[in-house]
């Protein structure tokens, strides 16, 4: 490897808008993020299932048809 061509890798402080801070490795000293694992809905359990256009109902109807066809066979 060539000397003195790679960036300096060190500890970086990551700050979220919710107030959470943690440290990680990076070439930057500080990073600011909009969302982290402490405030993301997936990790906090406040996730909502959004049914767009009745897809779940359509799937259930197709599943019922397949189950009825399997009973007849």
N, C-alpha and C. Protein backbone atom coordinates (compact mmCIF):
# COMPACT_ATOMS: atom_id res chain seq x y z
N UNK A 1 0.83 -1.18 0.00
CA UNK A 1 0.00 0.00 0.00
C UNK A 1 0.87 1.25 0.00
N UNK A 2 0.37 2.25 -0.65
CA UNK A 2 1.09 3.52 -0.65
C UNK A 2 0.86 4.25 0.67
N UNK A 3 1.85 4.96 1.09
CA UNK A 3 1.75 5.71 2.34
C UNK A 3 1.10 7.07 2.11
N UNK A 4 0.39 7.53 3.13
CA UNK A 4 -0.18 8.88 3.18
C UNK A 4 -1.20 9.19 2.08
N UNK A 5 -1.90 8.17 1.55
CA UNK A 5 -2.94 8.46 0.56
C UNK A 5 -4.33 8.14 1.11
N UNK A 6 -4.39 7.45 2.25
CA UNK A 6 -5.66 7.05 2.82
C UNK A 6 -6.14 8.09 3.83
N UNK A 7 -7.46 8.31 3.92
CA UNK A 7 -7.97 9.27 4.91
C UNK A 7 -7.76 8.76 6.33
N UNK A 8 -7.72 9.67 7.26
CA UNK A 8 -7.56 9.33 8.68
C UNK A 8 -8.88 8.80 9.21
N UNK A 9 -8.87 7.58 9.70
CA UNK A 9 -10.06 6.93 10.22
C UNK A 9 -10.04 7.02 11.74
N UNK A 10 -11.11 7.56 12.30
CA UNK A 10 -11.16 7.72 13.75
C UNK A 10 -12.56 7.58 14.28
N UNK A 11 -12.77 8.00 15.49
CA UNK A 11 -14.07 7.93 16.15
C UNK A 11 -14.90 9.16 15.78
N UNK A 12 -16.15 8.90 15.43
CA UNK A 12 -17.07 9.99 15.08
C UNK A 12 -18.27 9.96 16.02
N UNK A 13 -18.77 11.12 16.35
CA UNK A 13 -19.97 11.24 17.18
C UNK A 13 -21.15 11.47 16.26
N UNK A 14 -22.17 10.62 16.38
CA UNK A 14 -23.38 10.73 15.57
C UNK A 14 -24.46 11.32 16.44
N UNK A 15 -25.10 12.40 15.98
CA UNK A 15 -26.16 13.07 16.72
C UNK A 15 -27.46 13.02 15.91
N UNK A 16 -28.51 12.57 16.57
CA UNK A 16 -29.83 12.50 15.93
C UNK A 16 -30.65 13.70 16.37
N UNK A 17 -31.67 14.05 15.59
CA UNK A 17 -32.52 15.18 15.95
C UNK A 17 -33.36 14.89 17.19
N UNK A 18 -33.51 13.60 17.55
CA UNK A 18 -34.26 13.26 18.76
C UNK A 18 -33.43 13.47 20.02
N UNK A 19 -32.12 13.75 19.87
CA UNK A 19 -31.27 13.99 21.01
C UNK A 19 -30.31 12.85 21.32
N UNK A 20 -30.50 11.71 20.71
CA UNK A 20 -29.63 10.55 20.94
C UNK A 20 -28.27 10.78 20.31
N UNK A 21 -27.21 10.37 21.00
CA UNK A 21 -25.86 10.44 20.45
C UNK A 21 -25.18 9.09 20.66
N UNK A 22 -24.35 8.70 19.71
CA UNK A 22 -23.55 7.49 19.85
C UNK A 22 -22.29 7.65 19.02
N UNK A 23 -21.33 6.79 19.25
CA UNK A 23 -20.05 6.89 18.55
C UNK A 23 -19.87 5.71 17.61
N UNK A 24 -19.21 5.99 16.49
CA UNK A 24 -18.91 4.97 15.50
C UNK A 24 -17.62 5.36 14.80
N UNK A 25 -17.13 4.53 13.93
CA UNK A 25 -15.92 4.84 13.20
C UNK A 25 -16.22 5.52 11.88
N UNK A 26 -15.44 6.54 11.55
CA UNK A 26 -15.64 7.27 10.30
C UNK A 26 -14.45 8.17 10.04
N UNK A 27 -14.40 8.74 8.84
CA UNK A 27 -13.36 9.72 8.53
C UNK A 27 -13.79 11.11 8.96
N UNK A 28 -15.06 11.26 9.33
CA UNK A 28 -15.58 12.53 9.83
C UNK A 28 -15.50 12.55 11.35
N UNK A 29 -15.51 13.72 11.92
CA UNK A 29 -15.49 13.88 13.37
C UNK A 29 -16.90 13.83 13.97
N UNK A 30 -17.86 14.41 13.23
CA UNK A 30 -19.23 14.48 13.73
C UNK A 30 -20.20 14.31 12.57
N UNK A 31 -21.30 13.62 12.82
CA UNK A 31 -22.36 13.44 11.83
C UNK A 31 -23.70 13.74 12.48
N UNK A 32 -24.60 14.31 11.71
CA UNK A 32 -25.96 14.58 12.18
C UNK A 32 -26.93 13.81 11.29
N UNK A 33 -27.86 13.10 11.93
CA UNK A 33 -28.83 12.30 11.20
C UNK A 33 -30.24 12.71 11.59
N UNK A 34 -31.19 12.45 10.71
CA UNK A 34 -32.59 12.80 10.96
C UNK A 34 -33.31 11.74 11.78
N UNK A 35 -32.86 10.49 11.68
CA UNK A 35 -33.56 9.40 12.36
C UNK A 35 -32.54 8.34 12.77
N UNK A 36 -32.76 7.75 13.93
CA UNK A 36 -31.85 6.71 14.43
C UNK A 36 -32.68 5.54 14.96
N UNK A 37 -32.03 4.54 15.51
CA UNK A 37 -32.74 3.36 16.00
C UNK A 37 -33.58 3.66 17.25
N UNK A 38 -33.32 4.76 17.93
CA UNK A 38 -34.10 5.12 19.11
C UNK A 38 -35.42 5.80 18.76
N UNK A 39 -35.52 6.38 17.55
CA UNK A 39 -36.75 7.08 17.19
C UNK A 39 -37.40 6.55 15.91
N UNK A 40 -36.80 5.57 15.24
CA UNK A 40 -37.39 5.01 14.02
C UNK A 40 -38.58 4.12 14.39
N UNK A 41 -39.71 4.26 13.70
CA UNK A 41 -40.91 3.49 14.04
C UNK A 41 -40.71 1.98 14.01
N UNK A 42 -39.85 1.48 13.14
CA UNK A 42 -39.62 0.03 13.07
C UNK A 42 -39.00 -0.48 14.36
N UNK A 43 -38.06 0.25 14.91
CA UNK A 43 -37.36 -0.18 16.12
C UNK A 43 -38.12 0.15 17.40
N UNK A 44 -38.97 1.16 17.37
CA UNK A 44 -39.72 1.53 18.57
C UNK A 44 -41.01 0.75 18.73
N UNK A 45 -41.44 0.04 17.69
CA UNK A 45 -42.67 -0.74 17.76
C UNK A 45 -43.92 0.06 17.44
N UNK A 46 -43.77 1.26 16.96
CA UNK A 46 -44.91 2.11 16.62
C UNK A 46 -45.18 2.10 15.12
N UNK A 47 -44.77 1.02 14.48
CA UNK A 47 -44.93 0.90 13.03
C UNK A 47 -46.39 0.62 12.70
N UNK A 48 -46.88 1.22 11.62
CA UNK A 48 -48.25 1.03 11.19
C UNK A 48 -48.25 0.36 9.83
N UNK A 49 -49.15 -0.59 9.64
CA UNK A 49 -49.31 -1.24 8.35
C UNK A 49 -50.30 -0.43 7.53
N UNK A 50 -49.87 0.02 6.38
CA UNK A 50 -50.71 0.83 5.52
C UNK A 50 -51.16 -0.03 4.35
N UNK A 51 -52.45 -0.25 4.24
CA UNK A 51 -53.01 -1.05 3.15
C UNK A 51 -53.32 -0.11 1.99
N UNK A 52 -52.54 -0.22 0.93
CA UNK A 52 -52.74 0.66 -0.21
C UNK A 52 -53.60 -0.04 -1.24
N UNK A 53 -54.77 0.47 -1.44
CA UNK A 53 -55.65 -0.02 -2.49
C UNK A 53 -56.28 -1.37 -2.21
N UNK A 54 -56.45 -1.76 -0.96
CA UNK A 54 -57.12 -3.02 -0.63
C UNK A 54 -56.34 -4.26 -1.00
N UNK A 55 -55.04 -4.18 -1.02
CA UNK A 55 -54.21 -5.33 -1.41
C UNK A 55 -54.37 -6.51 -0.46
N UNK A 56 -54.49 -6.23 0.82
CA UNK A 56 -54.64 -7.32 1.79
C UNK A 56 -55.96 -8.04 1.56
N UNK A 57 -57.03 -7.31 1.35
CA UNK A 57 -58.33 -7.93 1.08
C UNK A 57 -58.29 -8.75 -0.20
N UNK A 58 -57.66 -8.21 -1.22
CA UNK A 58 -57.54 -8.94 -2.48
C UNK A 58 -56.76 -10.24 -2.29
N UNK A 59 -55.70 -10.20 -1.50
CA UNK A 59 -54.91 -11.40 -1.23
C UNK A 59 -55.75 -12.43 -0.48
N UNK A 60 -56.51 -11.98 0.51
CA UNK A 60 -57.34 -12.91 1.28
C UNK A 60 -58.39 -13.58 0.41
N UNK A 61 -58.99 -12.84 -0.53
CA UNK A 61 -59.97 -13.43 -1.44
C UNK A 61 -59.32 -14.49 -2.32
N UNK A 62 -58.12 -14.20 -2.84
CA UNK A 62 -57.43 -15.20 -3.66
C UNK A 62 -57.08 -16.43 -2.84
N UNK A 63 -56.67 -16.24 -1.60
CA UNK A 63 -56.32 -17.35 -0.73
C UNK A 63 -57.54 -18.23 -0.46
N UNK A 64 -58.70 -17.61 -0.24
CA UNK A 64 -59.92 -18.38 -0.02
C UNK A 64 -60.28 -19.21 -1.24
N UNK A 65 -60.12 -18.65 -2.44
CA UNK A 65 -60.40 -19.40 -3.67
C UNK A 65 -59.51 -20.62 -3.79
N UNK A 66 -58.24 -20.45 -3.47
CA UNK A 66 -57.29 -21.57 -3.55
C UNK A 66 -57.65 -22.64 -2.53
N UNK A 67 -58.01 -22.24 -1.33
CA UNK A 67 -58.38 -23.20 -0.29
C UNK A 67 -59.65 -23.96 -0.65
N UNK A 68 -60.65 -23.27 -1.24
CA UNK A 68 -61.88 -23.94 -1.67
C UNK A 68 -61.59 -24.93 -2.79
N UNK A 69 -60.72 -24.55 -3.71
CA UNK A 69 -60.36 -25.45 -4.81
C UNK A 69 -59.63 -26.68 -4.28
N UNK A 70 -58.83 -26.52 -3.26
CA UNK A 70 -58.09 -27.64 -2.67
C UNK A 70 -59.05 -28.59 -1.94
N UNK A 71 -60.11 -28.05 -1.33
CA UNK A 71 -61.09 -28.89 -0.64
C UNK A 71 -61.89 -29.73 -1.63
N UNK A 72 -62.20 -29.18 -2.79
CA UNK A 72 -62.97 -29.89 -3.81
C UNK A 72 -62.16 -31.01 -4.44
N UNK A 73 -60.86 -30.85 -4.50
CA UNK A 73 -60.01 -31.84 -5.18
C UNK A 73 -59.75 -33.05 -4.34
